[in-house]
Amino acid sequence: MRLKLKTLLACLLAATLCRGAQAHGAQPPTAGIDTAINDFGFRLLSALAPASERNTIISPLSVSLALAIAYNGAVGETKDAMARTLTLGPLREAELNRGSRELLMTLERADPAVQMEIANALWAQSGFSINPGFIRLSKSFYKATVDHVDFAHDPQRAADTINAWVDRKTHGKIPTIIRSPERTARLVITDAVYFKGRWTSPFDQKATATKPFYLQEGGSVPVPLMAQSGKYPYFETDHFQAIRLPYGNRRFAMYIFLPRGKDGLPALMGSLDGAHWRQWTAKLVERKGSISLPRLRLTYARSLNDALKSMGMAPAFDSTRADFSLIHPPPPPLFIQDVQHKTFIELDEEGTRAAAASSVQMGVTMALTKEPPPFEMVVDHPFFCAIAEQQSGTLLFAGIVTNPARD
């Protein structure tokens, strides 16, 4: 009886401590990872589209995961440079990996009404030794599969094998991620993200009408503008309007930030960073209004080499300075040869489909007291948009749309 009483008291104490930790703001297992991914994503978007001249859609999640896997194999200056670029801050390697694993599980299980899939893979040169510890870590924390291909003797077949995986994991939205890998390639790390969500409140197709979308450089193009009215999480300033449009059971949502001026996107992007993102999205409150949003289908593809170098990761690309000896002990030394990123996003009256793929090729050498009047938000000029998971706050996709009529 005494033993049972002690056991009961121990359980009650544990439950009390758990509730107390939650009440005092105990950090979730993914704490810090979402912040790092978002901060990195805004910096990367700024590096890729400094003048906001073209449609640019990226997946901060996809690029971060692929580079995080590579980061685990880095040493010394290379590791420090990658940590700064990935904005890891005080996150230690063990925290990064545990947090990444928890984030993957959180995102994939967040909403049964939304299709959310993430996959990672390592593609190693046949006969090239990879540190078993690096492989175990990649499998354990990033659920990465491991396959062998022959870059040295049949690079095209290696590319075809990798592209087939990407095509399958993105449900045909991104058929290729690499075209001609170097014969000196020894390892390619790939990540694929697929998202399919139905709006919680779908748009009525009968309300869609073709209207002008005003371009930043002047002029306009005709685009189908979807429209609806209701109550939405909304925030506005003298410079922009912001809205959140949920998917499924509301664990995922799209955010739209629309500058007041038709040429105001560069100024908005100049101030939009991780800190402002957290500040502004926290101010969204339910408000009656209407939203008009372009129906669109966009693809984006870009080498991230120059952007990542400009963000501080140059040592990882330098064959004389890079140190990835935790992947493969030199000689020969491994270095990053190429980082490719591709995205796809489609918005219509039913919802959104989005996909992203990343490859890292490594080679040798507040409440309102009075309800305000209804707002009107007509997204008919260049804007910023993002898709995020609501509990972790992680940015799955983020980008700018300057011309929805241009693929």
Protein backbone atom coordinates (compact mmCIF):
# COMPACT_ATOMS: atom_id res chain seq x y z
CA MET A 1 0.00 0.00 0.00
CA ARG A 2 2.84 2.37 0.90
CA LEU A 3 4.60 1.57 -2.37
CA LYS A 4 1.45 2.30 -4.36
CA LEU A 5 1.02 5.59 -2.49
CA LYS A 6 4.59 6.60 -3.26
CA THR A 7 4.10 5.74 -6.92
CA LEU A 8 0.90 7.78 -7.05
CA LEU A 9 2.58 10.76 -5.39
CA ALA A 10 5.50 10.52 -7.83
CA CYS A 11 3.14 10.56 -10.80
CA LEU A 12 1.22 13.52 -9.39
CA LEU A 13 4.48 15.39 -8.79
CA ALA A 14 5.68 14.70 -12.33
CA ALA A 15 2.37 15.90 -13.77
CA THR A 16 2.48 19.02 -11.62
CA LEU A 17 6.04 19.81 -12.70
CA CYS A 18 5.08 19.30 -16.35
CA ARG A 19 2.11 21.64 -16.06
CA GLY A 20 4.24 24.14 -14.19
CA ALA A 21 6.87 24.09 -16.92
CA GLN A 22 4.21 24.66 -19.56
CA ALA A 23 2.70 27.50 -17.53
CA HIS A 24 6.11 29.16 -17.29
CA GLY A 25 6.66 28.98 -21.04
CA ALA A 26 8.75 25.82 -21.29
CA GLN A 27 10.24 25.57 -24.74
CA PRO A 28 8.89 22.91 -27.13
CA PRO A 29 11.39 20.38 -28.57
CA THR A 30 11.58 22.39 -31.80
CA ALA A 31 12.37 25.67 -30.00
CA GLY A 32 15.09 27.53 -31.83
CA ILE A 33 14.87 25.45 -35.02
CA ASP A 34 11.88 27.34 -36.39
CA THR A 35 13.51 30.68 -35.61
CA ALA A 36 16.74 29.64 -37.31
CA ILE A 37 14.92 28.38 -40.41
CA ASN A 38 12.81 31.53 -40.71
CA ASP A 39 15.71 33.93 -40.14
CA PHE A 40 17.80 32.04 -42.68
CA GLY A 41 14.89 32.03 -45.14
CA PHE A 42 14.41 35.80 -45.05
CA ARG A 43 18.16 36.37 -45.50
CA LEU A 44 18.27 33.93 -48.41
CA LEU A 45 15.24 35.52 -50.07
CA SER A 46 16.86 38.95 -49.73
CA ALA A 47 20.09 37.65 -51.27
CA LEU A 48 18.24 36.06 -54.21
CA ALA A 49 15.91 38.96 -54.99
CA PRO A 50 17.50 42.18 -53.71
CA ALA A 51 15.56 44.37 -56.10
CA SER A 52 12.37 42.24 -56.16
CA GLU A 53 12.50 42.16 -59.94
CA ARG A 54 11.04 38.71 -60.55
CA ASN A 55 8.86 36.04 -59.00
CA THR A 56 10.99 34.32 -56.37
CA ILE A 57 9.57 31.48 -54.30
CA ILE A 58 11.81 29.45 -51.99
CA SER A 59 11.39 26.84 -49.28
CA PRO A 60 13.43 27.88 -46.23
CA LEU A 61 12.58 24.49 -44.73
CA SER A 62 13.93 22.46 -47.64
CA VAL A 63 17.20 24.36 -48.02
CA SER A 64 17.80 24.42 -44.26
CA LEU A 65 17.32 20.67 -43.90
CA ALA A 66 19.66 19.81 -46.76
CA LEU A 67 22.36 22.13 -45.44
CA ALA A 68 21.83 20.92 -41.86
CA ILE A 69 22.71 17.39 -42.96
CA ALA A 70 25.89 18.68 -44.61
CA TYR A 71 26.64 20.79 -41.52
CA ASN A 72 26.90 17.62 -39.45
CA GLY A 73 29.91 16.59 -41.52
CA ALA A 74 31.73 19.92 -41.27
CA VAL A 75 34.64 20.81 -39.03
CA GLY A 76 36.40 23.99 -37.91
CA GLU A 77 36.09 27.11 -40.07
CA THR A 78 33.68 25.37 -42.41
CA LYS A 79 31.33 24.44 -39.57
CA ASP A 80 31.49 27.95 -38.08
CA ALA A 81 30.70 29.55 -41.44
CA MET A 82 27.74 27.24 -42.02
CA ALA A 83 26.42 27.88 -38.49
CA ARG A 84 26.48 31.64 -39.10
CA THR A 85 24.84 31.30 -42.50
CA LEU A 86 22.12 29.02 -41.13
CA THR A 87 21.64 31.50 -38.22
CA LEU A 88 21.97 28.70 -35.69
CA GLY A 89 23.00 31.12 -32.93
CA PRO A 90 23.40 29.26 -29.62
CA LEU A 91 22.00 25.99 -30.99
CA ARG A 92 24.48 23.18 -30.47
CA GLU A 93 24.72 20.36 -32.98
CA ALA A 94 22.83 17.93 -30.76
CA GLU A 95 20.02 20.46 -30.26
CA LEU A 96 19.86 21.13 -33.99
CA ASN A 97 19.50 17.45 -34.81
CA ARG A 98 16.98 16.62 -32.08
CA GLY A 99 14.98 19.73 -32.93
CA SER A 100 15.02 18.90 -36.64
CA ARG A 101 13.73 15.39 -35.97
CA GLU A 102 10.91 16.75 -33.78
CA LEU A 103 10.07 19.37 -36.40
CA LEU A 104 9.81 16.77 -39.15
CA MET A 105 7.39 14.72 -37.05
CA THR A 106 5.42 17.82 -36.02
CA LEU A 107 4.96 19.04 -39.58
CA GLU A 108 3.98 15.69 -41.05
CA ARG A 109 1.42 14.98 -38.29
CA ALA A 110 0.14 18.54 -37.82
CA ASP A 111 -3.11 18.33 -39.79
CA PRO A 112 -4.68 15.19 -41.28
CA ALA A 113 -6.67 17.48 -43.59
CA VAL A 114 -3.45 18.72 -45.20
CA GLN A 115 -0.96 16.62 -47.18
CA MET A 116 2.52 17.43 -45.88
CA GLU A 117 5.47 15.26 -46.90
CA ILE A 118 9.21 15.71 -46.34
CA ALA A 119 11.96 13.39 -47.54
CA ASN A 120 15.76 13.37 -47.42
CA ALA A 121 18.32 11.19 -49.16
CA LEU A 122 22.07 10.70 -49.49
CA TRP A 123 23.46 9.70 -52.88
CA ALA A 124 27.04 8.44 -52.56
CA GLN A 125 29.58 7.51 -55.19
CA SER A 126 29.93 3.74 -55.41
CA GLY A 127 33.11 2.67 -53.65
CA PHE A 128 33.57 6.02 -51.91
CA SER A 129 33.72 5.60 -48.15
CA ILE A 130 31.29 7.67 -46.08
CA ASN A 131 31.76 7.90 -42.32
CA PRO A 132 29.26 5.40 -40.78
CA GLY A 133 28.57 7.88 -37.97
CA PHE A 134 27.47 10.53 -40.48
CA ILE A 135 25.16 8.02 -42.17
CA ARG A 136 23.64 6.91 -38.85
CA LEU A 137 23.03 10.53 -37.84
CA SER A 138 21.41 11.37 -41.20
CA LYS A 139 19.13 8.36 -40.95
CA SER A 140 18.25 8.82 -37.28
CA PHE A 141 17.53 12.55 -37.20
CA TYR A 142 16.58 13.36 -40.81
CA LYS A 143 15.10 10.02 -41.92
CA ALA A 144 17.50 10.06 -44.87
CA THR A 145 17.74 7.07 -47.14
CA VAL A 146 21.14 6.09 -48.55
CA ASP A 147 21.79 4.95 -52.12
CA HIS A 148 24.87 4.51 -54.27
CA VAL A 149 25.28 5.84 -57.81
CA ASP A 150 28.24 6.22 -60.16
CA PHE A 151 29.01 9.88 -60.76
CA ALA A 152 32.53 9.06 -61.97
CA HIS A 153 31.65 6.75 -64.84
CA ASP A 154 27.97 7.40 -65.60
CA PRO A 155 26.97 10.85 -64.31
CA GLN A 156 23.85 11.05 -66.46
CA ARG A 157 22.44 7.83 -65.07
CA ALA A 158 23.24 9.08 -61.57
CA ALA A 159 21.35 12.29 -62.32
CA ASP A 160 18.40 10.34 -63.73
CA THR A 161 18.21 8.22 -60.57
CA ILE A 162 18.26 11.26 -58.29
CA ASN A 163 15.77 13.17 -60.45
CA ALA A 164 13.37 10.21 -60.46
CA TRP A 165 13.41 10.28 -56.64
CA VAL A 166 12.72 14.03 -56.60
CA ASP A 167 9.95 13.67 -59.17
CA ARG A 168 8.30 10.94 -57.09
CA LYS A 169 8.65 12.74 -53.75
CA THR A 170 7.20 15.99 -55.14
CA HIS A 171 4.33 14.16 -56.89
CA GLY A 172 5.57 15.20 -60.33
CA LYS A 173 5.72 18.92 -59.55
CA ILE A 174 9.53 19.05 -59.78
CA PRO A 175 10.77 16.47 -62.30
CA THR A 176 14.46 17.41 -62.14
CA ILE A 177 16.82 18.95 -59.59
CA ILE A 178 20.20 18.25 -61.19
CA ARG A 179 21.12 17.96 -64.85
CA SER A 180 24.80 17.16 -65.25
CA PRO A 181 26.60 16.31 -62.02
CA GLU A 182 30.37 16.61 -62.03
CA ARG A 183 32.30 13.38 -62.48
CA THR A 184 34.18 14.46 -59.36
CA ALA A 185 30.94 14.48 -57.32
CA ARG A 186 31.09 12.03 -54.43
CA LEU A 187 27.96 12.83 -52.45
CA VAL A 188 24.65 14.56 -53.22
CA ILE A 189 22.27 15.40 -50.40
CA THR A 190 18.65 15.92 -51.47
CA ASP A 191 15.57 17.18 -49.67
CA ALA A 192 12.02 17.25 -51.03
CA VAL A 193 8.95 18.98 -49.57
CA TYR A 194 5.39 18.52 -50.81
CA PHE A 195 2.36 20.46 -49.54
CA LYS A 196 -1.27 20.17 -50.59
CA GLY A 197 -3.88 22.06 -48.59
CA ARG A 198 -7.50 22.99 -49.17
CA TRP A 199 -8.55 26.43 -47.97
CA THR A 200 -10.59 26.26 -44.75
CA SER A 201 -12.99 28.57 -46.61
CA PRO A 202 -12.62 27.89 -50.37
CA PHE A 203 -13.16 30.69 -52.86
CA ASP A 204 -16.27 30.60 -55.03
CA GLN A 205 -15.22 30.10 -58.63
CA LYS A 206 -18.17 32.22 -59.77
CA ALA A 207 -16.64 35.21 -57.96
CA THR A 208 -13.35 34.96 -59.86
CA ALA A 209 -12.94 37.69 -62.47
CA THR A 210 -10.14 38.74 -64.78
CA LYS A 211 -8.73 42.08 -63.69
CA PRO A 212 -5.46 44.01 -64.14
CA PHE A 213 -2.44 43.23 -61.98
CA TYR A 214 -0.17 46.28 -61.86
CA LEU A 215 3.51 45.60 -62.45
CA GLN A 216 6.34 47.18 -60.53
CA GLU A 217 8.00 48.54 -63.64
CA GLY A 218 4.74 50.01 -64.91
CA GLY A 219 1.85 48.72 -66.96
CA SER A 220 -0.36 45.77 -66.07
CA VAL A 221 -1.28 42.23 -67.09
CA PRO A 222 -4.73 40.59 -66.93
CA VAL A 223 -5.00 37.90 -64.24
CA PRO A 224 -7.90 35.97 -62.67
CA LEU A 225 -8.57 37.47 -59.23
CA MET A 226 -10.34 35.17 -56.76
CA ALA A 227 -12.54 37.01 -54.24
CA GLN A 228 -14.37 36.35 -50.97
CA SER A 229 -15.55 38.14 -47.82
CA GLY A 230 -15.60 37.08 -44.20
CA LYS A 231 -13.63 37.40 -40.98
CA TYR A 232 -9.88 36.95 -41.22
CA PRO A 233 -6.80 37.39 -39.04
CA TYR A 234 -5.72 40.81 -40.36
CA PHE A 235 -3.23 43.59 -39.60
CA GLU A 236 -2.43 46.84 -41.35
CA THR A 237 -0.07 49.81 -41.14
CA ASP A 238 0.37 52.94 -43.22
CA HIS A 239 2.71 50.92 -45.43
CA PHE A 240 1.12 47.48 -45.90
CA GLN A 241 -1.81 45.13 -45.28
CA ALA A 242 -1.35 41.58 -43.97
CA ILE A 243 -3.76 38.65 -43.86
CA ARG A 244 -3.69 34.98 -42.87
CA LEU A 245 -5.70 32.46 -44.88
CA PRO A 246 -5.90 29.04 -43.16
CA TYR A 247 -5.90 25.57 -44.68
CA GLY A 248 -7.73 22.48 -43.44
CA ASN A 249 -8.01 22.45 -39.66
CA ARG A 250 -6.03 25.73 -39.42
CA ARG A 251 -2.62 24.30 -38.48
CA PHE A 252 -1.23 25.57 -41.77
CA ALA A 253 -1.91 28.96 -43.34
CA MET A 254 -0.87 31.29 -46.11
CA TYR A 255 0.20 34.81 -45.25
CA ILE A 256 -0.09 37.70 -47.71
CA PHE A 257 1.74 40.99 -47.15
CA LEU A 258 0.57 43.64 -49.63
CA PRO A 259 2.35 47.02 -49.85
CA ARG A 260 0.06 50.06 -49.97
CA GLY A 261 1.83 51.42 -53.02
CA LYS A 262 2.01 49.53 -56.27
CA ASP A 263 5.79 50.04 -56.24
CA GLY A 264 6.18 49.41 -52.51
CA LEU A 265 7.49 45.83 -52.54
CA PRO A 266 11.22 46.70 -52.40
CA ALA A 267 10.67 48.84 -49.29
CA LEU A 268 8.61 46.10 -47.65
CA MET A 269 11.21 43.44 -48.38
CA GLY A 270 13.92 45.75 -47.07
CA SER A 271 12.31 45.68 -43.64
CA LEU A 272 10.90 42.13 -43.63
CA ASP A 273 13.17 39.91 -41.56
CA GLY A 274 12.70 37.25 -38.91
CA ALA A 275 12.17 39.76 -36.09
CA HIS A 276 9.58 41.83 -37.98
CA TRP A 277 7.88 38.65 -39.19
CA ARG A 278 7.33 37.51 -35.60
CA GLN A 279 6.27 41.01 -34.53
CA TRP A 280 3.79 41.61 -37.34
CA THR A 281 2.21 38.14 -37.47
CA ALA A 282 1.61 38.36 -33.71
CA LYS A 283 -0.59 41.43 -34.36
CA LEU A 284 -3.04 39.67 -36.67
CA VAL A 285 -6.56 39.84 -35.22
CA GLU A 286 -9.97 38.73 -36.50
CA ARG A 287 -11.62 41.41 -38.59
CA LYS A 288 -14.37 41.56 -41.18
CA GLY A 289 -13.29 42.31 -44.71
CA SER A 290 -12.78 41.10 -48.24
CA ILE A 291 -9.79 39.61 -50.02
CA SER A 292 -9.01 39.39 -53.73
CA LEU A 293 -6.11 37.13 -54.61
CA PRO A 294 -4.56 36.14 -57.94
CA ARG A 295 -4.98 32.60 -59.15
CA LEU A 296 -1.49 31.56 -60.12
CA ARG A 297 0.91 28.77 -61.01
CA LEU A 298 4.61 29.54 -60.63
CA THR A 299 7.89 27.66 -60.81
CA TYR A 300 11.30 28.84 -59.65
CA ALA A 301 14.76 27.36 -60.10
CA ARG A 302 18.08 28.74 -59.00
CA SER A 303 21.61 27.82 -58.03
CA LEU A 304 22.16 29.05 -54.47
CA ASN A 305 25.95 29.11 -54.67
CA ASP A 306 26.46 32.86 -54.97
CA ALA A 307 23.72 33.69 -52.45
CA LEU A 308 25.12 31.32 -49.84
CA LYS A 309 28.64 32.59 -50.37
CA SER A 310 27.46 36.17 -49.90
CA MET A 311 25.76 35.08 -46.67
CA GLY A 312 29.04 33.81 -45.23
CA MET A 313 29.33 30.21 -46.39
CA ALA A 314 32.21 30.71 -48.84
CA PRO A 315 34.65 28.40 -46.97
CA ALA A 316 32.38 25.41 -47.62
CA PHE A 317 32.68 25.99 -51.39
CA ASP A 318 36.48 26.40 -51.37
CA SER A 319 38.31 23.18 -52.21
CA THR A 320 41.40 24.43 -50.36
CA ARG A 321 39.55 25.51 -47.18
CA ALA A 322 36.48 23.30 -46.83
CA ASP A 323 36.63 20.65 -44.14
CA PHE A 324 33.96 17.97 -44.25
CA SER A 325 36.18 15.32 -42.72
CA LEU A 326 33.31 13.98 -40.59
CA ILE A 327 31.76 12.76 -43.85
CA HIS A 328 34.92 11.48 -45.48
CA PRO A 329 38.46 11.82 -44.09
CA PRO A 330 40.83 13.39 -46.63
CA PRO A 331 42.50 12.83 -48.92
CA PRO A 332 40.78 13.79 -51.07
CA PRO A 333 39.02 16.66 -49.25
CA LEU A 334 35.29 17.16 -49.81
CA PHE A 335 33.81 20.57 -50.60
CA ILE A 336 30.44 21.83 -51.79
CA GLN A 337 30.39 22.10 -55.57
CA ASP A 338 26.79 23.16 -56.14
CA VAL A 339 23.55 23.86 -54.28
CA GLN A 340 20.41 23.77 -56.41
CA HIS A 341 16.88 24.73 -55.36
CA LYS A 342 13.57 24.44 -57.20
CA THR A 343 10.02 25.29 -56.15
CA PHE A 344 6.50 25.03 -57.50
CA ILE A 345 3.36 26.74 -56.18
CA GLU A 346 -0.20 26.76 -57.48
CA LEU A 347 -3.09 28.77 -55.98
CA ASP A 348 -6.67 28.33 -57.05
CA GLU A 349 -10.16 28.55 -55.56
CA GLU A 350 -9.84 25.17 -53.83
CA GLY A 351 -6.47 25.61 -52.17
CA THR A 352 -2.72 25.38 -52.71
CA ARG A 353 -0.24 22.84 -54.00
CA ALA A 354 3.43 23.54 -53.43
CA ALA A 355 6.63 21.58 -53.73
CA ALA A 356 10.32 22.18 -53.26
CA ALA A 357 13.52 20.28 -53.82
CA SER A 358 17.07 21.08 -52.78
CA SER A 359 20.34 19.38 -53.62
CA VAL A 360 23.78 19.84 -52.10
CA GLN A 361 26.41 18.38 -54.40
CA MET A 362 29.71 17.66 -52.69
CA GLY A 363 32.83 16.73 -54.52
CA VAL A 364 36.47 16.17 -54.05
CA THR A 365 38.88 18.76 -55.00
CA MET A 366 -3.77 42.66 -29.46
CA ALA A 367 -7.63 42.62 -28.79
CA LEU A 368 -9.75 45.49 -30.21
CA THR A 369 -12.20 47.40 -27.97
CA LYS A 370 -14.18 48.59 -30.97
CA GLU A 371 -14.62 46.67 -34.17
CA PRO A 372 -13.08 48.63 -37.05
CA PRO A 373 -14.82 49.05 -40.39
CA PRO A 374 -14.41 46.19 -42.88
CA PHE A 375 -11.15 46.24 -44.79
CA GLU A 376 -10.72 45.69 -48.49
CA MET A 377 -7.55 43.98 -49.64
CA VAL A 378 -7.09 43.72 -53.39
CA VAL A 379 -3.87 41.93 -54.23
CA ASP A 380 -3.43 43.52 -57.64
CA HIS A 381 0.25 44.48 -57.47
CA PRO A 382 3.52 42.84 -56.34
CA PHE A 383 3.30 41.17 -52.94
CA PHE A 384 5.02 38.85 -50.46
CA CYS A 385 3.50 35.51 -49.52
CA ALA A 386 4.40 32.61 -47.24
CA ILE A 387 3.04 29.27 -46.07
CA ALA A 388 3.73 28.43 -42.43
CA GLU A 389 2.80 25.82 -39.83
CA GLN A 390 1.06 27.53 -36.95
CA GLN A 391 2.39 25.70 -33.88
CA SER A 392 6.09 25.84 -34.69
CA GLY A 393 5.80 28.92 -36.90
CA THR A 394 8.11 27.31 -39.44
CA LEU A 395 8.15 28.80 -42.93
CA LEU A 396 7.55 26.05 -45.47
CA PHE A 397 7.52 28.43 -48.42
CA ALA A 398 8.18 32.16 -48.76
CA GLY A 399 8.57 34.50 -51.68
CA ILE A 400 7.52 37.46 -53.75
CA VAL A 401 5.12 37.60 -56.69
CA THR A 402 5.82 40.42 -59.09
CA ASN A 403 3.90 39.05 -62.07
CA PRO A 404 1.44 36.18 -61.53
CA ALA A 405 0.95 35.86 -65.28
CA ARG A 406 4.61 34.89 -65.75
CA ASP A 407 5.69 31.32 -64.95
